[in-house]
Amino acid sequence: MGNVTNPTPPLKRSGCKAAVAVLLLALLLIPAIAHAAAPVVAPAAVPGALDRAFGEVAGKSGGSLSLSLQLLLVMGLLTILPSLILMMTSFTRILVVLSILRQALGLQQSPPNQVLIGLSLFLSLFVMAPTLDTVNATAIKPYAAGTINAEQAIAAGGGVFHAFMIRQTREHDLHMFADMARAPKFAGTADVPFSILLPAFVTSELKTAFQIGFMLFLPFLVIDLVVSSVLMSLGMMMMSPTVVSLPFKLLLFVLVDGWSLLMGSLAASFG
């Protein structure tokens, strides 16, 4: 039999060009999506239970905690450190976006979970570096020098993380949890307690991560549709479109320098 000329390559080329354009647009729109979470002036702060506990343990005279109690407090904080990293930093958004990207590429275990978690952790350290430097200057160094006690150090460090989290929290989410807690109207963002800010921050981070993931999915969805239509036109209905489209999606991601664009856009989304 003679060779049959395939009339579909122009369709495939046009689909790839459209996918490249959509991918570049999606990566460039990531900071804009993240900045949609506007700072809030939301629902006067009540002294937290931690402050009252410190006052009872230290005594009415306001003295500092003993060394044994300070060590107990530090060990207790170390046990909840993973939860603090997940719930109070940029780690959640970055990890969710990277996981969605892996699904969009059609890869099951590459990069493996350990690589994604490690990449998310170190990118989170990069994003949180200004916040951690401020915590070190305002809480850790003064406490190590003996100029402030443990309560003051925790309050100073918590205030720095509070300011970071409030910048990334959407007003709608903050008002929703404030209404659920029947909290009074707050005088300013600094008066929002962590009991309301934490769930609102996590909800906002998940929403932002899914918005970014949707933008990342679009160009790879274009490739899947083009490959599927080409296979249908050739009568190769038994061939899995995922197997055929995977190399094209990998090629597209490499050609646009996807990892550099994604890492830079994710870091810029926390500005």
Protein backbone atom coordinates (compact mmCIF):
# COMPACT_ATOMS: atom_id res chain seq x y z
CA MET A 1 0.00 0.00 0.00
CA GLY A 2 1.16 3.58 -0.68
CA ASN A 3 1.95 6.04 2.00
CA VAL A 4 -1.05 8.07 3.10
CA THR A 5 -0.37 11.75 3.83
CA ASN A 6 -1.66 12.73 7.26
CA PRO A 7 -3.59 16.01 7.04
CA THR A 8 -3.60 16.55 10.81
CA PRO A 9 -0.10 17.89 11.66
CA PRO A 10 -1.18 21.56 11.09
CA LEU A 11 -3.92 21.00 13.65
CA LYS A 12 -1.42 19.57 16.07
CA ARG A 13 1.02 22.43 15.50
CA SER A 14 -1.69 25.03 16.01
CA GLY A 15 -2.82 23.26 19.16
CA CYS A 16 0.73 23.24 20.52
CA LYS A 17 1.12 26.94 19.76
CA ALA A 18 -2.13 27.65 21.58
CA ALA A 19 -0.96 25.53 24.51
CA VAL A 20 2.34 27.44 24.69
CA ALA A 21 0.48 30.75 24.72
CA VAL A 22 -1.97 29.57 27.40
CA LEU A 23 0.85 28.15 29.56
CA LEU A 24 2.86 31.37 29.42
CA LEU A 25 -0.26 33.37 30.23
CA ALA A 26 -1.09 31.07 33.15
CA LEU A 27 2.39 31.33 34.65
CA LEU A 28 2.39 35.11 34.32
CA LEU A 29 -1.07 35.40 35.93
CA ILE A 30 -0.10 33.48 39.10
CA PRO A 31 1.02 36.60 41.04
CA ALA A 32 -2.14 38.45 39.96
CA ILE A 33 -4.33 35.62 41.22
CA ALA A 34 -2.54 35.55 44.56
CA HIS A 35 -2.71 39.33 44.99
CA ALA A 36 -6.50 39.13 44.67
CA ALA A 37 -6.46 38.33 48.39
CA ALA A 38 -6.69 41.90 49.65
CA PRO A 39 -5.62 42.97 53.16
CA VAL A 40 -8.52 43.20 55.51
CA VAL A 41 -9.91 45.47 58.14
CA ALA A 42 -12.33 43.05 59.66
CA PRO A 43 -14.24 42.00 62.73
CA ALA A 44 -11.69 44.49 70.08
CA ALA A 45 -9.24 41.74 70.59
CA VAL A 46 -9.59 39.62 73.75
CA PRO A 47 -6.46 38.46 75.58
CA GLY A 48 -5.65 34.96 74.48
CA ALA A 49 -5.72 31.87 76.67
CA LEU A 50 -1.95 31.57 76.30
CA ASP A 51 -1.43 35.00 77.85
CA ARG A 52 -3.72 34.15 80.76
CA ALA A 53 -1.91 30.84 81.27
CA PHE A 54 1.45 32.59 81.29
CA GLY A 55 0.14 35.05 83.86
CA GLU A 56 -1.02 32.26 86.15
CA VAL A 57 2.19 30.23 85.80
CA ALA A 58 4.52 33.19 86.23
CA GLY A 59 2.55 34.52 89.16
CA LYS A 60 0.86 37.80 89.79
CA SER A 61 4.18 39.60 90.11
CA GLY A 62 4.82 39.18 86.41
CA GLY A 63 8.09 37.31 86.84
CA SER A 64 9.56 35.19 84.08
CA LEU A 65 9.05 31.45 83.77
CA SER A 66 11.48 29.08 85.40
CA LEU A 67 14.05 27.22 83.30
CA SER A 68 12.17 23.91 83.55
CA LEU A 69 8.93 25.51 82.38
CA GLN A 70 10.75 27.23 79.52
CA LEU A 71 12.22 23.90 78.39
CA LEU A 72 8.80 22.29 78.65
CA LEU A 73 7.36 25.08 76.52
CA VAL A 74 10.09 24.70 73.89
CA MET A 75 9.61 20.92 73.68
CA GLY A 76 5.87 21.44 73.33
CA LEU A 77 6.42 23.89 70.48
CA LEU A 78 8.70 21.41 68.72
CA THR A 79 5.94 18.79 68.70
CA ILE A 80 3.57 21.14 66.87
CA LEU A 81 6.24 22.54 64.56
CA PRO A 82 5.02 20.54 61.50
CA SER A 83 1.51 21.90 62.03
CA LEU A 84 2.86 25.43 62.34
CA ILE A 85 4.77 25.05 59.07
CA LEU A 86 1.67 23.78 57.30
CA MET A 87 -0.81 26.27 58.72
CA MET A 88 1.19 29.50 59.18
CA THR A 89 3.58 29.66 56.22
CA SER A 90 3.53 29.55 52.43
CA PHE A 91 4.15 25.78 52.44
CA THR A 92 0.55 24.72 51.80
CA ARG A 93 0.02 26.84 48.70
CA ILE A 94 3.30 25.78 47.12
CA LEU A 95 2.82 22.07 47.80
CA VAL A 96 -0.76 22.03 46.46
CA VAL A 97 0.26 23.85 43.27
CA LEU A 98 3.15 21.46 42.64
CA SER A 99 0.88 18.45 43.22
CA ILE A 100 -1.70 19.82 40.76
CA LEU A 101 1.07 20.44 38.22
CA ARG A 102 2.15 16.81 38.46
CA GLN A 103 -1.42 15.69 37.83
CA ALA A 104 -1.75 18.11 34.91
CA LEU A 105 1.37 16.70 33.29
CA GLY A 106 -0.06 13.20 33.62
CA LEU A 107 2.78 11.98 35.81
CA GLN A 108 1.93 9.63 38.65
CA GLN A 109 5.05 9.50 40.81
CA SER A 110 7.49 11.83 39.12
CA PRO A 111 8.67 13.97 40.76
CA PRO A 112 8.14 11.77 43.84
CA ASN A 113 6.41 13.09 46.94
CA GLN A 114 9.71 13.50 48.78
CA VAL A 115 11.02 15.80 46.06
CA LEU A 116 7.83 17.88 46.01
CA ILE A 117 7.84 18.24 49.81
CA GLY A 118 11.52 19.16 49.87
CA LEU A 119 11.10 21.67 47.05
CA SER A 120 8.07 23.18 48.78
CA LEU A 121 9.94 23.40 52.08
CA PHE A 122 12.98 25.20 50.70
CA LEU A 123 10.91 27.50 48.51
CA SER A 124 8.85 28.29 51.62
CA LEU A 125 12.07 29.15 53.48
CA PHE A 126 12.95 31.51 50.65
CA VAL A 127 9.51 33.15 50.73
CA MET A 128 9.45 33.34 54.53
CA ALA A 129 13.04 34.63 54.87
CA PRO A 130 12.03 38.27 55.54
CA THR A 131 9.49 37.13 58.14
CA LEU A 132 11.97 34.79 59.82
CA ASP A 133 14.62 37.52 59.88
CA THR A 134 12.18 39.83 61.62
CA VAL A 135 11.28 37.13 64.15
CA ASN A 136 14.98 36.57 64.81
CA ALA A 137 15.60 40.29 65.34
CA THR A 138 12.54 41.02 67.47
CA ALA A 139 12.08 37.81 69.46
CA ILE A 140 14.92 35.27 69.34
CA LYS A 141 17.93 37.56 69.77
CA PRO A 142 16.40 39.67 72.58
CA TYR A 143 15.31 36.50 74.39
CA ALA A 144 18.77 34.95 74.03
CA ALA A 145 20.29 38.20 75.36
CA GLY A 146 17.95 38.13 78.35
CA THR A 147 16.29 41.47 77.60
CA ILE A 148 12.81 39.91 77.25
CA ASN A 149 11.18 36.87 78.79
CA ALA A 150 9.61 33.88 77.04
CA GLU A 151 6.11 35.37 77.00
CA GLN A 152 7.30 38.56 75.35
CA ALA A 153 9.37 36.61 72.81
CA ILE A 154 6.38 34.45 71.82
CA ALA A 155 4.16 37.51 71.56
CA ALA A 156 6.70 39.34 69.38
CA GLY A 157 7.24 36.33 67.09
CA GLY A 158 3.53 35.68 66.84
CA GLY A 159 2.92 39.28 65.86
CA VAL A 160 5.31 38.97 62.93
CA PHE A 161 3.62 35.81 61.63
CA HIS A 162 0.25 37.44 62.25
CA ALA A 163 1.20 40.31 59.93
CA PHE A 164 2.31 37.87 57.19
CA MET A 165 -0.83 35.78 57.43
CA ILE A 166 -3.21 38.73 57.45
CA ARG A 167 -1.72 39.98 54.17
CA GLN A 168 -2.52 36.67 52.46
CA THR A 169 -6.02 36.25 53.91
CA ARG A 170 -9.11 37.19 51.98
CA GLU A 171 -11.60 39.52 53.60
CA HIS A 172 -14.51 37.20 52.85
CA ASP A 173 -12.88 34.23 54.59
CA LEU A 174 -11.96 36.30 57.63
CA HIS A 175 -15.49 37.67 57.97
CA MET A 176 -16.96 34.18 57.55
CA PHE A 177 -15.01 32.68 60.47
CA ALA A 178 -15.53 35.81 62.58
CA ASP A 179 -19.28 35.48 62.07
CA MET A 180 -19.19 31.78 62.90
CA ALA A 181 -17.30 32.56 66.14
CA ARG A 182 -19.71 35.43 66.92
CA ALA A 183 -16.70 37.65 67.48
CA PRO A 184 -17.13 41.40 68.01
CA LYS A 185 -16.00 43.83 65.35
CA PHE A 186 -12.24 44.28 65.43
CA ALA A 187 -10.65 47.72 65.57
CA GLY A 188 -7.91 46.69 63.12
CA THR A 189 -6.19 43.76 61.50
CA ALA A 190 -3.70 43.47 64.38
CA ASP A 191 -6.57 42.69 66.76
CA VAL A 192 -7.74 39.57 64.90
CA PRO A 193 -7.00 36.54 67.14
CA PHE A 194 -5.22 33.48 65.80
CA SER A 195 -8.29 31.36 66.51
CA ILE A 196 -10.02 33.18 63.64
CA LEU A 197 -7.02 34.06 61.51
CA LEU A 198 -5.65 30.50 61.21
CA PRO A 199 -8.68 28.85 59.54
CA ALA A 200 -9.27 31.93 57.39
CA PHE A 201 -5.62 31.92 56.26
CA VAL A 202 -5.66 28.21 55.37
CA THR A 203 -8.94 28.59 53.47
CA SER A 204 -7.54 31.51 51.48
CA GLU A 205 -4.33 29.62 50.71
CA LEU A 206 -6.24 26.59 49.42
CA LYS A 207 -8.48 28.77 47.26
CA THR A 208 -5.48 30.58 45.78
CA ALA A 209 -3.66 27.29 45.18
CA PHE A 210 -6.63 25.84 43.31
CA GLN A 211 -6.98 28.98 41.21
CA ILE A 212 -3.31 28.74 40.22
CA GLY A 213 -3.71 25.01 39.56
CA PHE A 214 -6.65 25.69 37.23
CA MET A 215 -4.55 28.12 35.21
CA LEU A 216 -1.77 25.53 34.97
CA PHE A 217 -4.18 22.82 33.82
CA LEU A 218 -5.46 24.77 30.80
CA PRO A 219 -2.47 24.46 28.41
CA PHE A 220 -2.06 20.76 29.11
CA LEU A 221 -5.78 20.26 28.62
CA VAL A 222 -5.41 21.84 25.16
CA ILE A 223 -2.72 19.30 24.28
CA ASP A 224 -4.90 16.42 25.52
CA LEU A 225 -7.81 17.63 23.37
CA VAL A 226 -5.63 18.02 20.27
CA VAL A 227 -4.05 14.58 20.67
CA SER A 228 -7.42 12.98 21.35
CA SER A 229 -8.97 14.54 18.23
CA VAL A 230 -6.01 13.45 16.08
CA LEU A 231 -6.25 9.88 17.35
CA MET A 232 -9.99 9.84 16.73
CA SER A 233 -9.50 11.13 13.18
CA LEU A 234 -6.95 8.38 12.52
CA GLY A 235 -9.28 5.73 13.88
CA MET A 236 -6.89 4.84 16.70
CA MET A 237 -9.56 4.78 19.37
CA MET A 238 -7.84 1.98 21.28
CA MET A 239 -4.71 4.10 21.79
CA SER A 240 -4.69 5.96 25.12
CA PRO A 241 -4.48 9.73 24.51
CA THR A 242 -2.61 10.14 27.81
CA VAL A 243 0.30 8.01 26.62
CA VAL A 244 0.61 10.00 23.39
CA SER A 245 0.14 13.46 24.92
CA LEU A 246 2.61 12.94 27.79
CA PRO A 247 5.79 13.58 25.76
CA PHE A 248 4.22 16.65 24.13
CA LYS A 249 3.28 18.07 27.53
CA LEU A 250 6.76 17.45 28.87
CA LEU A 251 8.28 19.05 25.77
CA LEU A 252 6.01 22.09 26.11
CA PHE A 253 6.87 22.52 29.81
CA VAL A 254 10.60 22.27 29.12
CA LEU A 255 10.51 24.60 26.10
CA VAL A 256 8.88 27.43 28.08
CA ASP A 257 11.27 26.85 31.02
CA GLY A 258 8.28 25.94 33.14
CA TRP A 259 10.08 25.18 36.40
CA SER A 260 11.82 28.56 36.53
CA LEU A 261 8.64 30.42 35.59
CA LEU A 262 6.56 28.48 38.11
CA MET A 263 9.02 28.91 41.00
CA GLY A 264 9.42 32.61 40.28
CA SER A 265 5.68 33.17 39.94
CA LEU A 266 4.92 31.29 43.15
CA ALA A 267 7.50 33.29 45.09
CA ALA A 268 6.18 36.56 43.59
CA SER A 269 2.59 35.64 44.54
CA PHE A 270 3.44 36.23 48.22
CA GLY A 271 4.70 39.78 47.64
